[in-house]
Every structure is written in C-alpha cells, then in structure tokens.
C-alpha atoms as a PDB file:
ATOM      1  CA  MET A   1    -115.205 -36.817-215.707  1.00  0.00           C
ATOM      2  CA  LYS A   2    -115.712 -34.498-212.517  1.00  0.00           C
ATOM      3  CA  GLN A   3    -112.712 -33.643-210.337  1.00  0.00           C
ATOM      4  CA  GLN A   4    -112.756 -35.157-207.255  1.00  0.00           C
ATOM      5  CA  ILE A   5    -111.898 -33.919-204.137  1.00  0.00           C
ATOM      6  CA  GLN A   6    -108.560 -34.166-202.472  1.00  0.00           C
ATOM      7  CA  ILE A   7    -105.412 -32.512-200.210  1.00  0.00           C
ATOM      8  CA  GLY A   8    -105.530 -28.865-201.841  1.00  0.00           C
ATOM      9  CA  SER A   9    -108.855 -29.270-203.823  1.00  0.00           C
ATOM     10  CA  GLN A  10    -110.613 -25.741-203.754  1.00  0.00           C
ATOM     11  CA  VAL A  11    -114.218 -26.484-202.919  1.00  0.00           C
ATOM     12  CA  THR A  12    -117.367 -24.670-203.560  1.00  0.00           C
ATOM     13  CA  PHE A  13    -120.293 -26.120-201.533  1.00  0.00           C
ATOM     14  CA  HIS A  14    -123.745 -25.426-199.642  1.00  0.00           C
ATOM     15  CA  PHE A  15    -123.720 -27.289-196.281  1.00  0.00           C
ATOM     16  CA  ALA A  16    -126.566 -27.214-193.245  1.00  0.00           C
ATOM     17  CA  LEU A  17    -125.609 -28.300-189.863  1.00  0.00           C
ATOM     18  CA  ALA A  18    -128.169 -29.891-187.319  1.00  0.00           C
ATOM     19  CA  ASP A  19    -128.027 -32.368-184.131  1.00  0.00           C
ATOM     20  CA  SER A  20    -129.791 -35.421-183.641  1.00  0.00           C
ATOM     21  CA  ASP A  21    -133.197 -33.836-183.297  1.00  0.00           C
ATOM     22  CA  GLY A  22    -132.892 -32.036-186.523  1.00  0.00           C
ATOM     23  CA  HIS A  23    -132.572 -28.425-184.701  1.00  0.00           C
ATOM     24  CA  GLU A  24    -130.740 -26.622-187.718  1.00  0.00           C
ATOM     25  CA  LEU A  25    -127.904 -24.311-186.605  1.00  0.00           C
ATOM     26  CA  ILE A  26    -126.274 -23.116-190.004  1.00  0.00           C
ATOM     27  CA  ASN A  27    -127.484 -23.466-193.594  1.00  0.00           C
ATOM     28  CA  THR A  28    -126.231 -21.410-196.356  1.00  0.00           C
ATOM     29  CA  PHE A  29    -128.361 -23.385-198.838  1.00  0.00           C
ATOM     30  CA  GLU A  30    -130.679 -20.279-199.288  1.00  0.00           C
ATOM     31  CA  ASP A  31    -127.658 -18.056-199.169  1.00  0.00           C
ATOM     32  CA  GLN A  32    -123.501 -17.793-200.335  1.00  0.00           C
ATOM     33  CA  PRO A  33    -122.025 -21.121-201.025  1.00  0.00           C
ATOM     34  CA  SER A  34    -119.114 -21.629-198.834  1.00  0.00           C
ATOM     35  CA  THR A  35    -115.563 -21.841-200.662  1.00  0.00           C
ATOM     36  CA  PHE A  36    -111.911 -23.160-198.989  1.00  0.00           C
ATOM     37  CA  THR A  37    -109.278 -24.724-199.803  1.00  0.00           C
ATOM     38  CA  THR A  38    -108.716 -28.421-198.454  1.00  0.00           C
ATOM     39  CA  GLY A  39    -105.766 -29.049-195.867  1.00  0.00           C
ATOM     40  CA  ARG A  40    -105.166 -26.027-194.741  1.00  0.00           C
ATOM     41  CA  ASN A  41    -107.240 -25.971-191.831  1.00  0.00           C
ATOM     42  CA  GLU A  42    -109.732 -23.683-193.044  1.00  0.00           C
ATOM     43  CA  ILE A  43    -113.151 -25.645-191.799  1.00  0.00           C
ATOM     44  CA  ILE A  44    -113.506 -27.822-189.236  1.00  0.00           C
ATOM     45  CA  GLU A  45    -112.602 -31.091-189.416  1.00  0.00           C
ATOM     46  CA  GLY A  46    -115.406 -33.210-189.686  1.00  0.00           C
ATOM     47  CA  LEU A  47    -116.748 -31.318-192.171  1.00  0.00           C
ATOM     48  CA  GLU A  48    -113.393 -31.380-194.499  1.00  0.00           C
ATOM     49  CA  LEU A  49    -113.267 -34.920-194.199  1.00  0.00           C
ATOM     50  CA  ALA A  50    -116.630 -35.462-195.487  1.00  0.00           C
ATOM     51  CA  LEU A  51    -115.861 -34.130-198.525  1.00  0.00           C
ATOM     52  CA  TYR A  52    -112.498 -35.892-199.576  1.00  0.00           C
ATOM     53  CA  GLY A  53    -113.802 -38.310-202.340  1.00  0.00           C
ATOM     54  CA  LEU A  54    -117.020 -36.477-203.593  1.00  0.00           C
ATOM     55  CA  ARG A  55    -117.509 -34.307-206.948  1.00  0.00           C
ATOM     56  CA  ALA A  56    -119.385 -31.545-208.109  1.00  0.00           C
ATOM     57  CA  GLY A  57    -123.177 -32.108-207.920  1.00  0.00           C
ATOM     58  CA  ASP A  58    -122.230 -34.746-205.259  1.00  0.00           C
ATOM     59  CA  ARG A  59    -124.543 -34.598-202.288  1.00  0.00           C
ATOM     60  CA  GLN A  60    -124.968 -36.254-199.066  1.00  0.00           C
ATOM     61  CA  THR A  61    -125.970 -36.371-195.867  1.00  0.00           C
ATOM     62  CA  LEU A  62    -124.326 -38.016-192.806  1.00  0.00           C
ATOM     63  CA  THR A  63    -123.974 -38.007-189.207  1.00  0.00           C
ATOM     64  CA  ILE A  64    -120.281 -37.021-187.827  1.00  0.00           C
ATOM     65  CA  ALA A  65    -119.248 -37.797-184.188  1.00  0.00           C
ATOM     66  CA  PRO A  66    -118.330 -34.710-181.803  1.00  0.00           C
ATOM     67  CA  ASP A  67    -114.800 -35.194-181.433  1.00  0.00           C
ATOM     68  CA  LEU A  68    -114.140 -34.168-185.245  1.00  0.00           C
ATOM     69  CA  MET A  69    -117.088 -31.483-184.710  1.00  0.00           C
ATOM     70  CA  TYR A  70    -117.193 -29.135-181.959  1.00  0.00           C
ATOM     71  CA  GLY A  71    -115.774 -31.466-179.514  1.00  0.00           C
ATOM     72  CA  GLU A  72    -117.133 -32.646-175.935  1.00  0.00           C
ATOM     73  CA  ARG A  73    -118.591 -29.903-173.666  1.00  0.00           C
ATOM     74  CA  ASN A  74    -116.603 -28.198-171.432  1.00  0.00           C
ATOM     75  CA  PRO A  75    -118.256 -27.526-167.511  1.00  0.00           C
ATOM     76  CA  GLU A  76    -115.325 -24.598-167.446  1.00  0.00           C
ATOM     77  CA  LEU A  77    -117.018 -22.459-170.090  1.00  0.00           C
ATOM     78  CA  ILE A  78    -120.146 -22.151-168.120  1.00  0.00           C
ATOM     79  CA  ARG A  79    -119.614 -18.988-165.942  1.00  0.00           C
ATOM     80  CA  GLN A  80    -121.621 -17.258-163.503  1.00  0.00           C
ATOM     81  CA  LEU A  81    -121.703 -13.560-164.472  1.00  0.00           C
ATOM     82  CA  PRO A  82    -123.048 -10.694-162.599  1.00  0.00           C
ATOM     83  CA  ARG A  83    -126.558  -9.487-163.963  1.00  0.00           C
ATOM     84  CA  THR A  84    -124.830  -5.822-163.883  1.00  0.00           C
ATOM     85  CA  GLN A  85    -122.490  -7.005-166.862  1.00  0.00           C
ATOM     86  CA  PHE A  86    -126.399  -6.871-169.149  1.00  0.00           C
ATOM     87  CA  PRO A  87    -127.966  -4.034-170.771  1.00  0.00           C
ATOM     88  CA  LYS A  88    -131.420  -5.695-170.904  1.00  0.00           C
ATOM     89  CA  PRO A  89    -132.556  -7.813-168.457  1.00  0.00           C
ATOM     90  CA  PRO A  90    -131.628 -11.794-169.623  1.00  0.00           C
ATOM     91  CA  GLU A  91    -133.898 -14.667-170.198  1.00  0.00           C
ATOM     92  CA  PRO A  92    -133.118 -18.620-170.185  1.00  0.00           C
ATOM     93  CA  GLY A  93    -132.743 -19.453-173.465  1.00  0.00           C
ATOM     94  CA  GLN A  94    -131.089 -15.678-175.105  1.00  0.00           C
ATOM     95  CA  LEU A  95    -128.172 -16.035-176.907  1.00  0.00           C
ATOM     96  CA  ILE A  96    -125.588 -12.924-175.842  1.00  0.00           C
ATOM     97  CA  ARG A  97    -122.705 -11.905-177.330  1.00  0.00           C
ATOM     98  CA  PHE A  98    -119.642 -10.288-175.497  1.00  0.00           C
ATOM     99  CA  ASP A  99    -116.323  -9.248-176.489  1.00  0.00           C
ATOM    100  CA  ASP A 100    -113.204 -10.120-174.270  1.00  0.00           C
ATOM    101  CA  PRO A 101    -111.004  -7.064-173.422  1.00  0.00           C
ATOM    102  CA  ALA A 102    -109.131  -7.600-177.007  1.00  0.00           C
ATOM    103  CA  GLY A 103    -112.038  -7.515-178.292  1.00  0.00           C
ATOM    104  CA  ASN A 104    -112.608 -10.657-179.630  1.00  0.00           C
ATOM    105  CA  ALA A 105    -116.377 -11.695-179.653  1.00  0.00           C
ATOM    106  CA  HIS A 106    -117.741 -14.626-177.592  1.00  0.00           C
ATOM    107  CA  SER A 107    -121.111 -15.590-177.657  1.00  0.00           C
ATOM    108  CA  GLY A 108    -123.059 -17.395-174.771  1.00  0.00           C
ATOM    109  CA  VAL A 109    -126.573 -18.579-174.020  1.00  0.00           C
ATOM    110  CA  VAL A 110    -128.242 -17.561-171.227  1.00  0.00           C
ATOM    111  CA  LEU A 111    -129.142 -20.867-168.921  1.00  0.00           C
ATOM    112  CA  GLU A 112    -130.504 -19.351-165.622  1.00  0.00           C
ATOM    113  CA  VAL A 113    -131.171 -15.966-164.094  1.00  0.00           C
ATOM    114  CA  ALA A 114    -131.187 -16.153-160.148  1.00  0.00           C
ATOM    115  CA  GLY A 115    -130.683 -13.108-158.215  1.00  0.00           C
ATOM    116  CA  ASP A 116    -127.935 -11.275-159.385  1.00  0.00           C
ATOM    117  CA  GLU A 117    -125.936 -14.044-161.431  1.00  0.00           C
ATOM    118  CA  VAL A 118    -126.664 -15.166-164.642  1.00  0.00           C
ATOM    119  CA  SER A 119    -125.150 -18.592-165.624  1.00  0.00           C
ATOM    120  CA  VAL A 120    -123.928 -18.185-169.209  1.00  0.00           C
ATOM    121  CA  ASP A 121    -122.854 -21.355-171.280  1.00  0.00           C
ATOM    122  CA  PHE A 122    -119.974 -20.364-173.603  1.00  0.00           C
ATOM    123  CA  ASN A 123    -119.795 -24.198-175.047  1.00  0.00           C
ATOM    124  CA  HIS A 124    -120.637 -23.788-178.951  1.00  0.00           C
ATOM    125  CA  PRO A 125    -124.458 -24.966-179.267  1.00  0.00           C
ATOM    126  CA  LEU A 126    -123.156 -28.130-180.918  1.00  0.00           C
ATOM    127  CA  ALA A 127    -120.642 -29.233-178.730  1.00  0.00           C
ATOM    128  CA  GLY A 128    -120.857 -33.152-177.217  1.00  0.00           C
ATOM    129  CA  LYS A 129    -123.525 -33.849-180.014  1.00  0.00           C
ATOM    130  CA  ASP A 130    -123.511 -35.813-182.818  1.00  0.00           C
ATOM    131  CA  VAL A 131    -123.836 -33.368-186.086  1.00  0.00           C
ATOM    132  CA  VAL A 132    -126.099 -33.926-188.882  1.00  0.00           C
ATOM    133  CA  ALA A 133    -124.353 -32.458-191.945  1.00  0.00           C
ATOM    134  CA  THR A 134    -125.905 -32.321-195.235  1.00  0.00           C
ATOM    135  CA  ILE A 135    -123.408 -31.261-197.912  1.00  0.00           C
ATOM    136  CA  GLU A 136    -123.706 -30.478-201.614  1.00  0.00           C
ATOM    137  CA  VAL A 137    -120.690 -29.973-203.831  1.00  0.00           C
ATOM    138  CA  LEU A 138    -121.139 -26.968-206.309  1.00  0.00           C
ATOM    139  CA  ASP A 139    -117.613 -27.116-207.708  1.00  0.00           C
ATOM    140  CA  VAL A 140    -113.966 -28.315-207.710  1.00  0.00           C
ATOM    141  CA  ARG A 141    -110.906 -27.236-208.367  1.00  0.00           C
ATOM    142  CA  THR A 142    -107.649 -29.094-208.094  1.00  0.00           C
ATOM    143  CA  PRO A 143    -104.186 -27.888-207.685  1.00  0.00           C
END
C-alpha cells in the first residue's frame, strides 16, 4: 500500500493555485514539481493541510479560505510612490518589483497613476480571496 502523507513526510507534488474566477497564478504541472517536508512550515499552511492523508497518485481540487492561504487584504500595503521611482512610465495593472534597502525583493501591482504619484498594491494577488488549489501527489516518503 502507498504511504499516506503525515507529519514529517517528504512530499513531491504538482499544484496550481487560482482565484475563484479561474485566474491561475501559479502552476507547476508543466514545470518541475515541488518537494517539501511536512510539519516544517516550508509551504503555505492551507496547501500543506490539503495534502495530509493523500497518497502518491492522488489528485484533488479544493477551495481554501483566505485565512489559511494569503490572509486578508491589508489596506496599509497600498502605497503612494513618486513617479520618479519608476524607470519607465508605469501603467495600471502592471506588476512591478522593488528592492528594499536591505536588498529584499517586493512585488506590487500598479493601481493608478495620477499626476506625480503612483498607487501600488503590495498585497499578494490572492490575498482576501478563496484559493482554488489543484494538487497531484507524485511521491511520498515517510520518516
């Protein structure tokens, strides 16, 4: 019998994450699968919880609430930035990347360009949304 995923299992799997409208944000099915060990906070909580009890060969699609995925939207993560911080004129809907003074990368979506200011949303694109996760378990190794 195939091993069931439990705490401490090393799991190799494919996954796709989309919002409830079907807009896919992440999909590993056409790329390399992910491998992690359960119980070590290596992946987002809701995705890990969805894997417990599954075995190699299992595939499922389920909806996961925001509190177990990317949390609720935080209005404090919407910032007004001077237009001069952008090398090219930004456009609404554009995904941009910034490095903070410590060298950490942050992504945001341009919401609006008004005069000399640009409104940028640094919330995760799936924050505040139910996430539809499709999971296919490829391999399970228990401790």
